[in-house]
Protein backbone atom coordinates (compact mmCIF):
# COMPACT_ATOMS: atom_id res chain seq x y z
CA UNK A 1 -37.46 -72.40 -144.36
CA UNK A 2 -34.91 -74.70 -142.80
CA UNK A 3 -31.16 -74.19 -143.62
CA UNK A 4 -31.19 -77.88 -145.58
CA UNK A 5 -33.60 -79.15 -148.03
CA UNK A 6 -36.16 -81.36 -146.23
CA UNK A 7 -37.08 -83.50 -149.04
CA UNK A 8 -34.34 -85.60 -150.15
CA UNK A 9 -33.61 -89.41 -151.45
CA UNK A 10 -36.25 -91.69 -151.00
CA UNK A 11 -38.78 -89.03 -149.51
CA UNK A 12 -38.25 -87.52 -152.90
CA UNK A 13 -38.95 -90.65 -154.77
CA UNK A 14 -42.06 -91.14 -152.74
CA UNK A 15 -43.17 -87.68 -153.69
CA UNK A 16 -42.65 -88.34 -157.61
CA UNK A 17 -44.94 -91.31 -157.36
CA UNK A 18 -47.53 -89.39 -155.50
CA UNK A 19 -47.29 -86.82 -157.78
CA UNK A 20 -47.87 -88.80 -161.26
CA UNK A 21 -51.41 -87.73 -161.41
CA UNK A 22 -51.13 -84.09 -160.91
CA UNK A 23 -48.12 -83.97 -163.09
CA UNK A 24 -50.00 -85.77 -166.14
CA UNK A 25 -52.48 -83.09 -166.00
CA UNK A 26 -50.00 -80.19 -165.81
CA UNK A 27 -50.02 -77.75 -168.43
CA UNK A 28 -48.14 -78.45 -171.43
CA UNK A 29 -45.53 -75.76 -173.12
CA UNK A 30 -45.62 -74.70 -176.56
CA UNK A 31 -41.95 -75.18 -176.85
CA UNK A 32 -41.85 -78.58 -175.20
CA UNK A 33 -41.06 -81.06 -177.88
CA UNK A 34 -43.16 -84.16 -178.14
CA UNK A 35 -40.84 -86.48 -176.69
CA UNK A 36 -40.97 -84.39 -173.57
CA UNK A 37 -44.52 -84.52 -173.32
CA UNK A 38 -44.99 -87.10 -170.64
CA UNK A 39 -41.65 -85.90 -168.91
CA UNK A 40 -41.81 -83.97 -165.69
CA UNK A 41 -40.49 -80.18 -166.07
CA UNK A 42 -37.51 -79.67 -163.95
CA UNK A 43 -37.29 -76.00 -162.86
CA UNK A 44 -33.46 -75.23 -162.53
CA UNK A 45 -33.09 -71.86 -160.53
CA UNK A 46 -29.27 -71.40 -160.68
CA UNK A 47 -26.52 -69.17 -161.72
CA UNK A 48 -23.85 -70.28 -164.56
CA UNK A 49 -23.35 -73.40 -163.21
CA UNK A 50 -27.04 -74.55 -163.89
CA UNK A 51 -26.72 -75.22 -167.59
CA UNK A 52 -23.81 -77.30 -167.24
CA UNK A 53 -25.29 -79.13 -164.40
CA UNK A 54 -28.61 -79.84 -166.51
CA UNK A 55 -26.19 -81.29 -169.23
CA UNK A 56 -24.53 -83.91 -166.68
CA UNK A 57 -28.06 -84.79 -165.01
CA UNK A 58 -29.18 -85.70 -168.68
CA UNK A 59 -26.42 -88.05 -168.91
CA UNK A 60 -28.30 -90.30 -166.08
CA UNK A 61 -30.67 -92.31 -168.67
CA UNK A 62 -33.40 -92.43 -165.50
CA UNK A 63 -33.24 -88.81 -165.54
CA UNK A 64 -33.12 -87.87 -169.21
CA UNK A 65 -36.18 -90.42 -169.58
CA UNK A 66 -38.40 -88.74 -166.94
CA UNK A 67 -37.22 -85.33 -166.77
CA UNK A 68 -37.23 -82.08 -169.02
CA UNK A 69 -35.19 -79.47 -167.09
CA UNK A 70 -35.47 -75.67 -167.91
CA UNK A 71 -32.73 -73.30 -166.41
CA UNK A 72 -33.43 -70.15 -165.23
CA UNK A 73 -30.62 -67.87 -164.64
CA UNK A 74 -30.88 -66.31 -161.03
CA UNK A 75 -28.02 -63.65 -161.26
CA UNK A 76 -29.75 -62.03 -163.99
CA UNK A 77 -33.04 -62.01 -162.30
CA UNK A 78 -34.81 -63.85 -165.13
CA UNK A 79 -38.28 -64.36 -164.06
CA UNK A 80 -39.65 -67.83 -163.73
CA UNK A 81 -43.15 -67.91 -165.50
CA UNK A 82 -46.11 -68.68 -163.19
CA UNK A 83 -47.13 -71.59 -165.65
CA UNK A 84 -43.88 -73.17 -165.21
CA UNK A 85 -44.31 -73.16 -161.52
CA UNK A 86 -47.45 -74.48 -161.44
CA UNK A 87 -46.38 -77.17 -163.73
CA UNK A 88 -43.28 -78.00 -161.84
CA UNK A 89 -42.43 -81.69 -161.31
CA UNK A 90 -39.24 -80.95 -159.69
CA UNK A 91 -37.63 -77.53 -158.53
CA UNK A 92 -33.46 -77.69 -158.12
CA UNK A 93 -32.75 -74.37 -156.84
CA UNK A 94 -29.48 -72.28 -155.27
CA UNK A 95 -30.51 -70.70 -152.16
CA UNK A 96 -31.21 -66.86 -152.73
CA UNK A 97 -32.35 -64.87 -149.44
CA UNK A 98 -34.94 -62.50 -148.81
CA UNK A 99 -32.89 -59.41 -150.49
CA UNK A 100 -34.09 -61.28 -154.03
CA UNK A 101 -37.50 -60.53 -153.56
CA UNK A 102 -39.80 -62.31 -155.66
CA UNK A 103 -36.85 -64.41 -156.75
CA UNK A 104 -35.87 -65.39 -153.33
CA UNK A 105 -35.89 -69.27 -152.82
CA UNK A 106 -38.71 -68.64 -149.99
CA UNK A 107 -41.00 -66.74 -152.48
CA UNK A 108 -40.39 -69.21 -155.31
CA UNK A 109 -41.00 -72.16 -153.30
CA UNK A 110 -44.10 -70.70 -151.79
CA UNK A 111 -45.41 -70.70 -155.59
CA UNK A 112 -44.72 -74.45 -156.20
CA UNK A 113 -47.80 -76.71 -156.29
CA UNK A 114 -48.32 -78.75 -152.85
CA UNK A 115 -46.07 -81.79 -152.81
CA UNK A 116 -44.01 -80.79 -155.44
CA UNK A 117 -40.16 -82.06 -154.56
CA UNK A 118 -37.44 -79.45 -154.13
CA UNK A 119 -33.84 -79.90 -153.60
CA UNK A 120 -31.41 -77.07 -152.69
CA UNK A 121 -28.05 -77.67 -155.02
CA UNK A 122 -24.62 -76.10 -154.32
CA UNK A 123 -23.52 -72.79 -155.53
CA UNK A 124 -19.72 -73.65 -155.83
CA UNK A 125 -17.23 -70.99 -155.19
CA UNK A 126 -13.92 -70.90 -154.55
CA UNK A 127 -11.11 -68.57 -154.19
CA UNK A 128 -8.40 -70.46 -153.44
CA UNK A 129 -5.72 -70.33 -156.32
CA UNK A 130 -7.11 -66.75 -156.59
CA UNK A 131 -6.44 -65.16 -153.51
CA UNK A 132 -6.60 -61.45 -154.74
CA UNK A 133 -9.74 -61.78 -156.78
CA UNK A 134 -12.08 -59.37 -156.04
CA UNK A 135 -16.14 -59.11 -156.63
CA UNK A 136 -16.49 -55.45 -156.71
CA UNK A 137 -18.53 -53.83 -159.53
CA UNK A 138 -17.17 -52.14 -162.61
CA UNK A 139 -14.66 -54.50 -164.24
CA UNK A 140 -14.63 -58.41 -164.82
CA UNK A 141 -12.21 -60.47 -162.66
CA UNK A 142 -11.11 -57.69 -160.66
CA UNK A 143 -7.65 -58.37 -158.58
CA UNK A 144 -7.37 -55.94 -155.51
CA UNK A 145 -3.27 -55.67 -155.76
CA UNK A 146 -3.39 -54.52 -159.73
CA UNK A 147 -6.15 -51.93 -158.68
CA UNK A 148 -4.47 -50.87 -155.82
CA UNK A 149 -1.18 -50.31 -158.18
CA UNK A 150 -3.56 -48.75 -160.73
CA UNK A 151 -4.80 -46.08 -158.36
CA UNK A 152 -1.26 -44.75 -157.83
CA UNK A 153 -1.30 -43.55 -161.34
CA UNK A 154 2.28 -45.16 -161.87
CA UNK A 155 3.63 -45.84 -165.28
CA UNK A 156 2.11 -49.23 -167.07
CA UNK A 157 5.94 -51.09 -166.84
CA UNK A 158 6.11 -50.24 -162.79
CA UNK A 159 2.66 -51.48 -162.32
CA UNK A 160 3.56 -54.88 -164.16
CA UNK A 161 6.96 -54.72 -162.35
CA UNK A 162 5.66 -54.55 -158.96
CA UNK A 163 2.80 -56.54 -159.31
CA UNK A 164 4.75 -59.52 -161.15
CA UNK A 165 8.15 -59.04 -158.68
CA UNK A 166 7.00 -57.75 -155.34
CA UNK A 167 6.31 -60.80 -152.79
CA UNK A 168 2.76 -61.01 -152.31
CA UNK A 169 3.46 -62.06 -148.39
CA UNK A 170 4.72 -58.56 -147.80
CA UNK A 171 1.30 -57.43 -149.16
CA UNK A 172 -1.47 -59.95 -148.14
CA UNK A 173 -1.80 -62.71 -145.67
CA UNK A 174 -2.29 -65.42 -147.96
CA UNK A 175 -3.07 -67.91 -145.40
CA UNK A 176 -5.94 -66.00 -144.00
CA UNK A 177 -7.23 -65.36 -147.53
CA UNK A 178 -7.55 -69.20 -147.85
CA UNK A 179 -9.19 -69.45 -144.38
CA UNK A 180 -11.76 -66.96 -145.39
CA UNK A 181 -12.72 -68.77 -148.54
CA UNK A 182 -13.21 -72.04 -147.11
CA UNK A 183 -15.36 -70.57 -144.29
CA UNK A 184 -17.44 -68.90 -146.78
CA UNK A 185 -17.90 -71.92 -148.72
CA UNK A 186 -18.54 -74.09 -145.55
CA UNK A 187 -21.25 -71.71 -144.85
CA UNK A 188 -22.94 -72.25 -148.37
CA UNK A 189 -22.85 -75.76 -148.15
CA UNK A 190 -24.82 -76.11 -145.13
CA UNK A 191 -27.84 -75.43 -147.25
CA UNK A 192 -27.72 -78.56 -149.57
CA UNK A 193 -27.11 -82.01 -148.70
CA UNK A 194 -24.70 -82.55 -151.71
CA UNK A 195 -21.57 -82.10 -150.65
CA UNK A 196 -18.52 -80.89 -152.53
CA UNK A 197 -16.11 -79.00 -150.16
CA UNK A 198 -14.31 -81.92 -148.63
CA UNK A 199 -13.23 -82.97 -152.45
CA UNK A 200 -12.11 -79.50 -153.03
CA UNK A 201 -10.07 -79.34 -150.14
CA UNK A 202 -8.65 -82.87 -150.70
CA UNK A 203 -7.45 -82.40 -154.77
CA UNK A 204 -7.35 -78.54 -155.24
CA UNK A 205 -3.48 -78.34 -154.82
CA UNK A 206 -3.18 -81.52 -157.28
CA UNK A 207 -5.04 -80.39 -160.05
CA UNK A 208 -7.37 -77.10 -161.02
CA UNK A 209 -10.94 -77.90 -159.75
CA UNK A 210 -12.19 -74.46 -160.83
CA UNK A 211 -11.76 -72.76 -163.88
CA UNK A 212 -12.47 -69.44 -162.43
CA UNK A 213 -13.67 -68.74 -158.95
CA UNK A 214 -17.11 -69.47 -159.53
CA UNK A 215 -16.94 -71.94 -162.75
CA UNK A 216 -16.25 -75.32 -161.44
CA UNK A 217 -14.58 -77.76 -163.97
CA UNK A 218 -15.95 -80.97 -165.18
CA UNK A 219 -14.73 -82.84 -162.10
CA UNK A 220 -16.95 -81.08 -159.55
CA UNK A 221 -19.87 -80.81 -162.20
CA UNK A 222 -19.94 -84.52 -162.40
CA UNK A 223 -19.62 -84.76 -158.28
CA UNK A 224 -22.57 -82.51 -157.96
CA UNK A 225 -24.64 -84.14 -160.30
CA UNK A 226 -24.11 -87.09 -158.72
CA UNK A 227 -24.92 -86.36 -155.58
CA UNK A 228 -28.04 -84.38 -157.07
CA UNK A 229 -29.11 -87.88 -158.76
CA UNK A 230 -28.33 -89.76 -155.30
CA UNK A 231 -30.59 -87.44 -153.34
CA UNK A 232 -33.16 -87.76 -155.96
CA UNK A 233 -32.95 -91.58 -155.86
CA UNK A 234 -32.05 -91.46 -159.45
CA UNK A 235 -29.65 -93.86 -161.55
CA UNK A 236 -26.40 -92.29 -161.82
CA UNK A 237 -25.17 -91.06 -164.95
CA UNK A 238 -23.63 -93.04 -167.73
CA UNK A 239 -20.17 -92.15 -168.39
CA UNK A 240 -20.60 -92.63 -172.12
CA UNK A 241 -23.06 -89.68 -172.23
CA UNK A 242 -21.40 -87.14 -169.96
CA UNK A 243 -20.80 -83.82 -171.81
CA UNK A 244 -17.39 -82.62 -173.06
CA UNK A 245 -16.32 -79.21 -172.19
CA UNK A 246 -17.39 -77.66 -175.69
CA UNK A 247 -21.16 -78.32 -174.26
CA UNK A 248 -21.08 -76.78 -171.25
CA UNK A 249 -21.52 -73.30 -172.35
CA UNK A 250 -19.73 -69.83 -172.05
CA UNK A 251 -17.17 -69.91 -169.31
CA UNK A 252 -15.91 -73.83 -169.47
CA UNK A 253 -14.75 -74.24 -173.05
CA UNK A 254 -13.03 -70.60 -173.76
CA UNK A 255 -11.74 -69.16 -170.69
CA UNK A 256 -9.36 -70.03 -167.83
CA UNK A 257 -8.76 -67.56 -165.08
CA UNK A 258 -4.75 -67.24 -164.99
CA UNK A 259 -3.31 -68.48 -161.49
CA UNK A 260 -0.45 -65.54 -160.07
CA UNK A 261 2.81 -67.95 -160.15
CA UNK A 262 3.77 -66.57 -156.53
CA UNK A 263 0.04 -67.90 -155.47
CA UNK A 264 0.98 -71.19 -156.99
CA UNK A 265 4.08 -71.40 -155.34
CA UNK A 266 2.80 -70.00 -152.00
CA UNK A 267 -0.16 -73.12 -151.93
CA UNK A 268 2.03 -75.59 -153.15
CA UNK A 269 0.10 -76.00 -156.44
CA UNK A 270 0.92 -78.63 -158.92
CA UNK A 271 -0.37 -75.82 -161.58
CA UNK A 272 0.22 -72.14 -162.10
CA UNK A 273 4.10 -71.90 -162.99
CA UNK A 274 5.20 -68.71 -164.82
CA UNK A 275 5.28 -70.29 -168.61
CA UNK A 276 1.81 -72.15 -168.01
CA UNK A 277 -0.16 -70.69 -171.18
CA UNK A 278 -4.18 -70.41 -170.42
CA UNK A 279 -7.04 -70.25 -172.70
CA UNK A 280 -8.21 -66.65 -172.71
CA UNK A 281 -11.15 -66.59 -174.99
CA UNK A 282 -9.48 -68.71 -177.70
CA UNK A 283 -6.06 -66.93 -177.32
CA UNK A 284 -3.23 -68.80 -175.40
CA UNK A 285 -1.91 -66.32 -172.61
CA UNK A 286 0.67 -66.33 -169.80
CA UNK A 287 -0.25 -65.10 -166.27
CA UNK A 288 2.10 -62.06 -167.42
CA UNK A 289 0.21 -61.61 -170.67
CA UNK A 290 -3.08 -61.59 -168.74
CA UNK A 291 -1.74 -58.79 -166.28
CA UNK A 292 -0.70 -56.84 -168.93
CA UNK A 293 -4.14 -56.99 -170.67
CA UNK A 294 -5.45 -56.23 -167.63
CA UNK A 295 -3.55 -53.24 -167.03
CA UNK A 296 -4.01 -52.01 -170.79
CA UNK A 297 -7.66 -52.25 -170.51
CA UNK A 298 -7.95 -50.34 -167.23
CA UNK A 299 -5.49 -47.57 -168.83
CA UNK A 300 -7.69 -47.48 -171.81
CA UNK A 301 -10.74 -46.61 -169.88
CA UNK A 302 -12.54 -49.54 -171.27
CA UNK A 303 -14.80 -51.32 -168.33
CA UNK A 304 -15.70 -54.30 -170.54
CA UNK A 305 -12.40 -56.74 -169.76
CA UNK A 306 -14.33 -59.78 -171.20
CA UNK A 307 -14.98 -58.09 -174.37
CA UNK A 308 -11.46 -56.53 -174.40
CA UNK A 309 -9.76 -60.53 -174.01
CA UNK A 310 -11.62 -61.28 -177.10
CA UNK A 311 -9.74 -58.57 -178.99
CA UNK A 312 -6.48 -59.01 -177.85
């Protein structure tokens, strides 16, 4: 499979037109409502960005009239039924490599009907405002510096004092960490014709574009949806139909990953001051309060930090 999707723009529209007869004969699904019987089934194989992207795509009257999206979560290894693959009228996917086995992009693409249009879509990730974030397993929203301090078995107050007061530049090369996340995202973006990174790099210091490292906010979701619609040759979204944050699913309306004030100052962010309150699962917390909850949760031996944050 080539690095970029080979079927875009007018070519996808031509495939749509040539596939009408097959799609009308495609298997029906018992849980489709009557209004969507004649719509093409869209399989959206994606992570937590899939559902909000589907909501933004449906803000296009042309997309909503002709397509019925169904989201399958790739990171939970949710199976994609063979019947859906056989009846697929449009396959939108975030690239997954061969290590994903039967759920890899290559494996799923091979099961699509001949001529089914497919488009690799963005998988947006950005560590810029959160240079200390770590994807290590076992705890949510890991922070490498807090974990290092906790591993030293220091008293709670010492951990928080060192974490909040020690200049981060003494411990970490913040410039290098930024270069690293940009390089990673540049490599990921090569696979999709829907571009977003230039917009991120131009505006991320002015306003928060991501809610957490892998949760792009409404501005980027609109940008990605607009790019997808453009590649499909479909009408853009009607601004009156765009979803608000409450309709975007878990992680979009109820959580903002707090930004370390020192990181905000180093990168010159217009947001992330010490006194800023973040929405942390329905509770307003400053960065210091969020860090204290992190430490308390770890010291209590609790692995489910998200569950803990819902309670404190």
